[in-house]
Amino acid sequence: MKSCVSFSGGLDSTCLLVSLLSKGYEVKCYSFKYGQKHEKIELEKAQKNISFLSGKNFKIAHQIIDLTDVFNESTSSLQSKNKEEIPQGDYTMETQKSTVVENRNVIFASIIYGKALSWAKKSNSNVEIFLGIHANDNSIYLDCREESRLAAELCFRISNWDSEKVSYQAPFIRFSKSRVLKEGLEAMYNLDFEADDILYVLKNTHSCYDPDDYGRSCGRCGTCIERIKSFIDNRLNDPIVYV
């Protein structure tokens, strides 16, 4: 089985990756630079986990794609060129709309769909693309909703020859972040990871939109609040460092 994954290096995409590995997938991961304030630490941690998992002889390839110019006019508070502060509080708050990066996940899905279709044709096999979008994202990020995923999948299918070889999956789309973490933990247990292995993987995930200069998570932005709750719900201590 072959898959292409949009891999930010965050908790969601990392849990998705280990879940796919536990099911026997060969995975090509694609990470994106798009000018985000948390870009450096996010991609550094992503590369650490890719190296760690590759060292366990899983079939993983990783590519970082620079989309800075694609999003250089974005009004999002996540963009490093914008001076607007990252809003605090959870995703139900109206202020969280400032973190939306216009059409981000549709663009990511489109790119990895193209990658998957090329791979499918070269290997004469089926390939699935995966995004780690989940239910907690739906309130503020419209491109994380099932309606958006279905519309994008239809667009990709009618726009390409051989599109029957590629499908678009979002297995966490109805899951809370707590459930996403639970799925990732179960996958690592099924892979016979030792406790230290699991700790290493979780430590090298990044969620915060507003880390300090030392890479410590703020603990106050929407994604930090979700992450903290997910660890509490799973009765675990979060191994990353918070301000």
C-alpha atoms as a PDB file:
ATOM      1  CA  MET A   1       0.000   0.000   0.000  1.00  0.00           C
ATOM      2  CA  LYS A   2       1.237   3.463  -0.910  1.00  0.00           C
ATOM      3  CA  SER A   3       0.347   6.839   0.595  1.00  0.00           C
ATOM      4  CA  CYS A   4       1.272  10.510   0.365  1.00  0.00           C
ATOM      5  CA  VAL A   5       0.833  12.588   3.523  1.00  0.00           C
ATOM      6  CA  SER A   6       0.734  16.301   4.241  1.00  0.00           C
ATOM      7  CA  PHE A   7       3.167  16.248   7.160  1.00  0.00           C
ATOM      8  CA  SER A   8       3.558  19.401   9.224  1.00  0.00           C
ATOM      9  CA  GLY A   9       5.373  17.663  12.050  1.00  0.00           C
ATOM     10  CA  GLY A  10       2.533  18.560  14.397  1.00  0.00           C
ATOM     11  CA  LEU A  11       0.782  16.149  16.724  1.00  0.00           C
ATOM     12  CA  ASP A  12      -2.024  15.372  14.266  1.00  0.00           C
ATOM     13  CA  SER A  13       0.091  14.589  11.199  1.00  0.00           C
ATOM     14  CA  THR A  14       2.575  12.609  13.316  1.00  0.00           C
ATOM     15  CA  CYS A  15      -0.212  10.467  14.780  1.00  0.00           C
ATOM     16  CA  LEU A  16      -1.488   9.992  11.224  1.00  0.00           C
ATOM     17  CA  LEU A  17       1.968   8.934  10.036  1.00  0.00           C
ATOM     18  CA  VAL A  18       2.491   6.293  12.743  1.00  0.00           C
ATOM     19  CA  SER A  19      -1.050   5.047  12.178  1.00  0.00           C
ATOM     20  CA  LEU A  20      -0.294   4.479   8.487  1.00  0.00           C
ATOM     21  CA  LEU A  21       3.006   2.780   9.309  1.00  0.00           C
ATOM     22  CA  SER A  22       1.218   0.447  11.708  1.00  0.00           C
ATOM     23  CA  LYS A  23      -1.071  -0.584   8.837  1.00  0.00           C
ATOM     24  CA  GLY A  24       1.837  -1.392   6.543  1.00  0.00           C
ATOM     25  CA  TYR A  25       1.817   1.656   4.266  1.00  0.00           C
ATOM     26  CA  GLU A  26       4.822   2.939   2.376  1.00  0.00           C
ATOM     27  CA  VAL A  27       4.665   6.682   2.997  1.00  0.00           C
ATOM     28  CA  LYS A  28       5.894   9.764   1.185  1.00  0.00           C
ATOM     29  CA  CYS A  29       5.677  12.785   3.485  1.00  0.00           C
ATOM     30  CA  TYR A  30       5.506  16.359   2.243  1.00  0.00           C
ATOM     31  CA  SER A  31       6.120  19.308   4.561  1.00  0.00           C
ATOM     32  CA  PHE A  32       5.528  22.909   3.539  1.00  0.00           C
ATOM     33  CA  LYS A  33       7.308  26.162   4.258  1.00  0.00           C
ATOM     34  CA  TYR A  34       4.821  28.963   3.810  1.00  0.00           C
ATOM     35  CA  GLY A  35       6.255  31.781   5.910  1.00  0.00           C
ATOM     36  CA  GLN A  36       4.673  30.729   9.200  1.00  0.00           C
ATOM     37  CA  LYS A  37       6.093  32.143  12.437  1.00  0.00           C
ATOM     38  CA  HIS A  38       6.604  28.663  13.871  1.00  0.00           C
ATOM     39  CA  GLU A  39       8.214  27.306  10.686  1.00  0.00           C
ATOM     40  CA  LYS A  40      11.757  26.702  11.916  1.00  0.00           C
ATOM     41  CA  ILE A  41      10.955  24.643  15.013  1.00  0.00           C
ATOM     42  CA  GLU A  42       8.090  22.795  13.316  1.00  0.00           C
ATOM     43  CA  LEU A  43      10.234  21.597  10.414  1.00  0.00           C
ATOM     44  CA  GLU A  44      13.217  20.771  12.630  1.00  0.00           C
ATOM     45  CA  LYS A  45      11.055  18.477  14.750  1.00  0.00           C
ATOM     46  CA  ALA A  46       9.444  16.969  11.656  1.00  0.00           C
ATOM     47  CA  GLN A  47      12.870  16.027  10.321  1.00  0.00           C
ATOM     48  CA  LYS A  48      13.871  14.486  13.666  1.00  0.00           C
ATOM     49  CA  ASN A  49      10.865  12.174  13.672  1.00  0.00           C
ATOM     50  CA  ILE A  50      11.334  11.239  10.026  1.00  0.00           C
ATOM     51  CA  SER A  51      14.970  10.312  10.760  1.00  0.00           C
ATOM     52  CA  PHE A  52      13.941   8.345  13.844  1.00  0.00           C
ATOM     53  CA  LEU A  53      11.251   6.377  12.031  1.00  0.00           C
ATOM     54  CA  SER A  54      13.448   5.798   8.989  1.00  0.00           C
ATOM     55  CA  GLY A  55      16.030   4.345  11.375  1.00  0.00           C
ATOM     56  CA  LYS A  56      13.462   1.726  12.315  1.00  0.00           C
ATOM     57  CA  ASN A  57      13.428   0.616   8.674  1.00  0.00           C
ATOM     58  CA  PHE A  58      10.000   1.913   7.786  1.00  0.00           C
ATOM     59  CA  LYS A  59       9.533   2.897   4.149  1.00  0.00           C
ATOM     60  CA  ILE A  60       9.404   6.691   4.428  1.00  0.00           C
ATOM     61  CA  ALA A  61      10.484   9.471   2.089  1.00  0.00           C
ATOM     62  CA  HIS A  62      10.359  13.148   3.069  1.00  0.00           C
ATOM     63  CA  GLN A  63      10.410  16.351   1.053  1.00  0.00           C
ATOM     64  CA  ILE A  64      10.108  19.951   2.240  1.00  0.00           C
ATOM     65  CA  ILE A  65       8.414  22.189  -0.346  1.00  0.00           C
ATOM     66  CA  ASP A  66       8.857  25.967  -0.219  1.00  0.00           C
ATOM     67  CA  LEU A  67       5.543  27.777  -0.776  1.00  0.00           C
ATOM     68  CA  THR A  68       6.594  31.093   0.749  1.00  0.00           C
ATOM     69  CA  ASP A  69       5.835  33.047  -2.414  1.00  0.00           C
ATOM     70  CA  VAL A  70       2.450  31.361  -2.769  1.00  0.00           C
ATOM     71  CA  PHE A  71       1.318  32.760   0.595  1.00  0.00           C
ATOM     72  CA  ASN A  72       3.309  36.005   0.658  1.00  0.00           C
ATOM     73  CA  GLU A  73       0.136  38.125   0.498  1.00  0.00           C
ATOM     74  CA  SER A  74      -1.688  36.227   3.218  1.00  0.00           C
ATOM     75  CA  THR A  75      -3.331  38.327   5.925  1.00  0.00           C
ATOM     76  CA  SER A  76      -3.011  35.547   8.511  1.00  0.00           C
ATOM     77  CA  SER A  77      -1.509  36.373  11.902  1.00  0.00           C
ATOM     78  CA  LEU A  78       0.505  33.142  11.524  1.00  0.00           C
ATOM     79  CA  GLN A  79       2.662  34.683   8.824  1.00  0.00           C
ATOM     80  CA  SER A  80       6.069  35.924   9.973  1.00  0.00           C
ATOM     81  CA  LYS A  81       5.811  39.141   7.932  1.00  0.00           C
ATOM     82  CA  ASN A  82       2.613  40.127   9.731  1.00  0.00           C
ATOM     83  CA  LYS A  83       3.012  41.945  13.050  1.00  0.00           C
ATOM     84  CA  GLU A  84      -0.428  41.000  14.364  1.00  0.00           C
ATOM     85  CA  GLU A  85      -0.191  38.987  17.559  1.00  0.00           C
ATOM     86  CA  ILE A  86      -1.374  35.380  17.658  1.00  0.00           C
ATOM     87  CA  PRO A  87      -4.719  35.340  19.504  1.00  0.00           C
ATOM     88  CA  GLN A  88      -5.008  33.512  22.798  1.00  0.00           C
ATOM     89  CA  GLY A  89      -7.942  31.282  23.729  1.00  0.00           C
ATOM     90  CA  ASP A  90      -9.680  28.306  22.155  1.00  0.00           C
ATOM     91  CA  TYR A  91     -10.964  27.867  18.628  1.00  0.00           C
ATOM     92  CA  THR A  92     -14.556  28.814  19.466  1.00  0.00           C
ATOM     93  CA  MET A  93     -13.500  32.454  19.804  1.00  0.00           C
ATOM     94  CA  GLU A  94     -14.078  34.855  16.924  1.00  0.00           C
ATOM     95  CA  THR A  95     -10.534  36.203  17.235  1.00  0.00           C
ATOM     96  CA  GLN A  96      -9.161  32.838  16.072  1.00  0.00           C
ATOM     97  CA  LYS A  97     -10.169  33.690  12.490  1.00  0.00           C
ATOM     98  CA  SER A  98      -6.997  35.746  12.246  1.00  0.00           C
ATOM     99  CA  THR A  99      -4.975  32.502  12.166  1.00  0.00           C
ATOM    100  CA  VAL A 100      -6.630  31.254   8.971  1.00  0.00           C
ATOM    101  CA  VAL A 101      -4.205  30.964   6.041  1.00  0.00           C
ATOM    102  CA  GLU A 102      -6.228  31.383   2.877  1.00  0.00           C
ATOM    103  CA  ASN A 103      -6.949  28.050   1.094  1.00  0.00           C
ATOM    104  CA  ARG A 104      -3.995  26.408   2.837  1.00  0.00           C
ATOM    105  CA  ASN A 105      -5.190  22.821   3.177  1.00  0.00           C
ATOM    106  CA  VAL A 106      -6.794  22.758  -0.270  1.00  0.00           C
ATOM    107  CA  ILE A 107      -3.456  23.857  -1.746  1.00  0.00           C
ATOM    108  CA  PHE A 108      -1.542  21.267   0.286  1.00  0.00           C
ATOM    109  CA  ALA A 109      -3.987  18.545  -0.774  1.00  0.00           C
ATOM    110  CA  SER A 110      -3.709  19.586  -4.416  1.00  0.00           C
ATOM    111  CA  ILE A 111       0.085  19.351  -4.345  1.00  0.00           C
ATOM    112  CA  ILE A 112       0.224  15.949  -2.707  1.00  0.00           C
ATOM    113  CA  TYR A 113      -2.523  14.711  -5.032  1.00  0.00           C
ATOM    114  CA  GLY A 114      -0.303  15.609  -7.974  1.00  0.00           C
ATOM    115  CA  LYS A 115       2.618  13.838  -6.321  1.00  0.00           C
ATOM    116  CA  ALA A 116       0.468  10.776  -5.647  1.00  0.00           C
ATOM    117  CA  LEU A 117      -0.858  10.630  -9.204  1.00  0.00           C
ATOM    118  CA  SER A 118       2.667  10.734 -10.644  1.00  0.00           C
ATOM    119  CA  TRP A 119       3.728   7.954  -8.262  1.00  0.00           C
ATOM    120  CA  ALA A 120       0.642   5.898  -9.125  1.00  0.00           C
ATOM    121  CA  LYS A 121       1.334   6.124 -12.844  1.00  0.00           C
ATOM    122  CA  LYS A 122       5.043   5.330 -12.489  1.00  0.00           C
ATOM    123  CA  SER A 123       4.405   2.338 -10.223  1.00  0.00           C
ATOM    124  CA  ASN A 124       1.162   1.263 -11.920  1.00  0.00           C
ATOM    125  CA  SER A 125      -0.504   1.016  -8.534  1.00  0.00           C
ATOM    126  CA  ASN A 126      -3.053   2.837  -6.392  1.00  0.00           C
ATOM    127  CA  VAL A 127      -1.958   5.618  -4.026  1.00  0.00           C
ATOM    128  CA  GLU A 128      -3.948   7.296  -1.247  1.00  0.00           C
ATOM    129  CA  ILE A 129      -3.372  10.844  -0.045  1.00  0.00           C
ATOM    130  CA  PHE A 130      -3.938  11.644   3.621  1.00  0.00           C
ATOM    131  CA  LEU A 131      -4.429  14.827   5.639  1.00  0.00           C
ATOM    132  CA  GLY A 132      -4.603  14.852   9.438  1.00  0.00           C
ATOM    133  CA  ILE A 133      -7.489  17.330   9.663  1.00  0.00           C
ATOM    134  CA  HIS A 134      -9.821  16.641  12.609  1.00  0.00           C
ATOM    135  CA  ALA A 135     -13.102  17.761  14.145  1.00  0.00           C
ATOM    136  CA  ASN A 136     -11.660  20.444  16.440  1.00  0.00           C
ATOM    137  CA  ASP A 137     -10.353  22.286  13.357  1.00  0.00           C
ATOM    138  CA  ASN A 138     -13.817  22.540  11.811  1.00  0.00           C
ATOM    139  CA  SER A 139     -15.070  25.496  13.810  1.00  0.00           C
ATOM    140  CA  ILE A 140     -12.548  27.957  12.407  1.00  0.00           C
ATOM    141  CA  TYR A 141     -10.783  26.362   9.417  1.00  0.00           C
ATOM    142  CA  LEU A 142     -13.379  25.831   6.691  1.00  0.00           C
ATOM    143  CA  ASP A 143     -10.940  23.866   4.519  1.00  0.00           C
ATOM    144  CA  CYS A 144     -10.791  21.224   7.266  1.00  0.00           C
ATOM    145  CA  ARG A 145     -14.479  20.360   6.894  1.00  0.00           C
ATOM    146  CA  GLU A 146     -15.805  17.252   5.200  1.00  0.00           C
ATOM    147  CA  GLU A 147     -17.615  19.381   2.609  1.00  0.00           C
ATOM    148  CA  SER A 148     -14.311  20.922   1.562  1.00  0.00           C
ATOM    149  CA  ARG A 149     -12.558  17.556   1.406  1.00  0.00           C
ATOM    150  CA  LEU A 150     -15.299  16.036  -0.742  1.00  0.00           C
ATOM    151  CA  ALA A 151     -15.372  19.028  -3.084  1.00  0.00           C
ATOM    152  CA  ALA A 152     -11.584  18.958  -3.454  1.00  0.00           C
ATOM    153  CA  GLU A 153     -11.601  15.208  -4.123  1.00  0.00           C
ATOM    154  CA  LEU A 154     -14.250  15.662  -6.835  1.00  0.00           C
ATOM    155  CA  CYS A 155     -12.271  18.496  -8.408  1.00  0.00           C
ATOM    156  CA  PHE A 156      -9.080  16.430  -8.444  1.00  0.00           C
ATOM    157  CA  ARG A 157     -10.887  13.425  -9.886  1.00  0.00           C
ATOM    158  CA  ILE A 158     -12.556  15.231 -12.790  1.00  0.00           C
ATOM    159  CA  SER A 159      -9.418  17.253 -13.552  1.00  0.00           C
ATOM    160  CA  ASN A 160      -6.981  14.381 -14.156  1.00  0.00           C
ATOM    161  CA  TRP A 161      -6.547  11.334 -16.321  1.00  0.00           C
ATOM    162  CA  ASP A 162      -5.931   8.144 -14.313  1.00  0.00           C
ATOM    163  CA  SER A 163      -7.541   9.743 -11.269  1.00  0.00           C
ATOM    164  CA  GLU A 164      -9.121   6.408 -10.367  1.00  0.00           C
ATOM    165  CA  LYS A 165      -5.656   5.451  -9.097  1.00  0.00           C
ATOM    166  CA  VAL A 166      -5.699   8.083  -6.307  1.00  0.00           C
ATOM    167  CA  SER A 167      -8.108   8.632  -3.401  1.00  0.00           C
ATOM    168  CA  TYR A 168      -8.214  11.411  -0.791  1.00  0.00           C
ATOM    169  CA  GLN A 169      -8.548  10.262   2.827  1.00  0.00           C
ATOM    170  CA  ALA A 170      -9.003  12.180   6.092  1.00  0.00           C
ATOM    171  CA  PRO A 171      -9.460   9.414   8.696  1.00  0.00           C
ATOM    172  CA  PHE A 172      -9.461  11.812  11.683  1.00  0.00           C
ATOM    173  CA  ILE A 173     -12.033  14.237  10.298  1.00  0.00           C
ATOM    174  CA  ARG A 174     -14.667  13.288  12.884  1.00  0.00           C
ATOM    175  CA  PHE A 175     -12.196  12.810  15.749  1.00  0.00           C
ATOM    176  CA  SER A 176     -11.336  15.230  18.528  1.00  0.00           C
ATOM    177  CA  LYS A 177      -7.649  15.956  19.050  1.00  0.00           C
ATOM    178  CA  SER A 178      -7.797  13.727  22.133  1.00  0.00           C
ATOM    179  CA  ARG A 179      -8.989  10.852  19.944  1.00  0.00           C
ATOM    180  CA  VAL A 180      -6.269  11.643  17.390  1.00  0.00           C
ATOM    181  CA  LEU A 181      -3.614  11.290  20.102  1.00  0.00           C
ATOM    182  CA  LYS A 182      -5.243   8.044  21.283  1.00  0.00           C
ATOM    183  CA  GLU A 183      -5.043   6.666  17.723  1.00  0.00           C
ATOM    184  CA  GLY A 184      -1.364   7.618  17.487  1.00  0.00           C
ATOM    185  CA  LEU A 185      -0.568   5.976  20.821  1.00  0.00           C
ATOM    186  CA  GLU A 186      -2.365   2.779  19.849  1.00  0.00           C
ATOM    187  CA  ALA A 187      -0.458   2.698  16.551  1.00  0.00           C
ATOM    188  CA  MET A 188       2.885   3.002  18.363  1.00  0.00           C
ATOM    189  CA  TYR A 189       1.875   0.254  20.816  1.00  0.00           C
ATOM    190  CA  ASN A 190       0.974  -1.948  17.835  1.00  0.00           C
ATOM    191  CA  LEU A 191       4.402  -1.224  16.339  1.00  0.00           C
ATOM    192  CA  ASP A 192       5.960  -2.460  19.615  1.00  0.00           C
ATOM    193  CA  PHE A 193       7.528   0.901  20.384  1.00  0.00           C
ATOM    194  CA  GLU A 194       9.209   1.098  23.770  1.00  0.00           C
ATOM    195  CA  ALA A 195       8.104   3.806  26.190  1.00  0.00           C
ATOM    196  CA  ASP A 196      11.229   5.832  25.356  1.00  0.00           C
ATOM    197  CA  ASP A 197      10.429   5.593  21.642  1.00  0.00           C
ATOM    198  CA  ILE A 198       6.910   6.913  22.184  1.00  0.00           C
ATOM    199  CA  LEU A 199       8.236   9.718  24.376  1.00  0.00           C
ATOM    200  CA  TYR A 200      10.790  10.664  21.698  1.00  0.00           C
ATOM    201  CA  VAL A 201       8.170  10.826  18.955  1.00  0.00           C
ATOM    202  CA  LEU A 202       5.759  12.913  21.034  1.00  0.00           C
ATOM    203  CA  LYS A 203       8.545  15.227  22.203  1.00  0.00           C
ATOM    204  CA  ASN A 204       9.414  15.930  18.592  1.00  0.00           C
ATOM    205  CA  THR A 205       5.991  17.157  17.613  1.00  0.00           C
ATOM    206  CA  HIS A 206       5.161  20.847  17.533  1.00  0.00           C
ATOM    207  CA  SER A 207       1.729  22.420  17.840  1.00  0.00           C
ATOM    208  CA  CYS A 208       2.206  25.996  19.087  1.00  0.00           C
ATOM    209  CA  TYR A 209       1.530  28.949  16.774  1.00  0.00           C
ATOM    210  CA  ASP A 210       3.483  31.356  18.972  1.00  0.00           C
ATOM    211  CA  PRO A 211       6.658  29.721  20.364  1.00  0.00           C
ATOM    212  CA  ASP A 212       9.312  31.881  22.006  1.00  0.00           C
ATOM    213  CA  ASP A 213      12.876  32.319  20.746  1.00  0.00           C
ATOM    214  CA  TYR A 214      13.898  29.107  22.523  1.00  0.00           C
ATOM    215  CA  GLY A 215      11.187  27.052  20.819  1.00  0.00           C
ATOM    216  CA  ARG A 216       9.067  26.753  23.954  1.00  0.00           C
ATOM    217  CA  SER A 217       5.310  26.550  23.377  1.00  0.00           C
ATOM    218  CA  CYS A 218       3.193  29.450  24.641  1.00  0.00           C
ATOM    219  CA  GLY A 219       0.435  27.299  26.222  1.00  0.00           C
ATOM    220  CA  ARG A 220      -2.154  29.989  25.428  1.00  0.00           C
ATOM    221  CA  CYS A 221      -2.931  29.834  21.692  1.00  0.00           C
ATOM    222  CA  GLY A 222      -5.798  27.737  20.352  1.00  0.00           C
ATOM    223  CA  THR A 223      -3.650  24.825  19.233  1.00  0.00           C
ATOM    224  CA  CYS A 224      -1.723  24.720  22.527  1.00  0.00           C
ATOM    225  CA  ILE A 225      -4.974  24.610  24.487  1.00  0.00           C
ATOM    226  CA  GLU A 226      -6.214  21.716  22.348  1.00  0.00           C
ATOM    227  CA  ARG A 227      -2.929  19.865  22.722  1.00  0.00           C
ATOM    228  CA  ILE A 228      -2.826  20.248  26.507  1.00  0.00           C
ATOM    229  CA  LYS A 229      -6.406  18.952  26.764  1.00  0.00           C
ATOM    230  CA  SER A 230      -5.604  15.956  24.541  1.00  0.00           C
ATOM    231  CA  PHE A 231      -2.770  14.860  26.842  1.00  0.00           C
ATOM    232  CA  ILE A 232      -4.904  15.335  29.941  1.00  0.00           C
ATOM    233  CA  ASP A 233      -7.724  13.290  28.361  1.00  0.00           C
ATOM    234  CA  ASN A 234      -5.231  10.495  27.612  1.00  0.00           C
ATOM    235  CA  ARG A 235      -3.744  10.703  31.141  1.00  0.00           C
ATOM    236  CA  LEU A 236      -0.296  11.575  29.861  1.00  0.00           C
ATOM    237  CA  ASN A 237       2.240  14.271  30.617  1.00  0.00           C
ATOM    238  CA  ASP A 238       3.060  16.317  27.530  1.00  0.00           C
ATOM    239  CA  PRO A 239       6.855  15.979  27.040  1.00  0.00           C
ATOM    240  CA  ILE A 240       7.346  19.313  25.249  1.00  0.00           C
ATOM    241  CA  VAL A 241       8.448  22.460  27.101  1.00  0.00           C
ATOM    242  CA  TYR A 242       5.974  25.294  27.713  1.00  0.00           C
ATOM    243  CA  VAL A 243       6.739  28.882  28.665  1.00  0.00           C
END
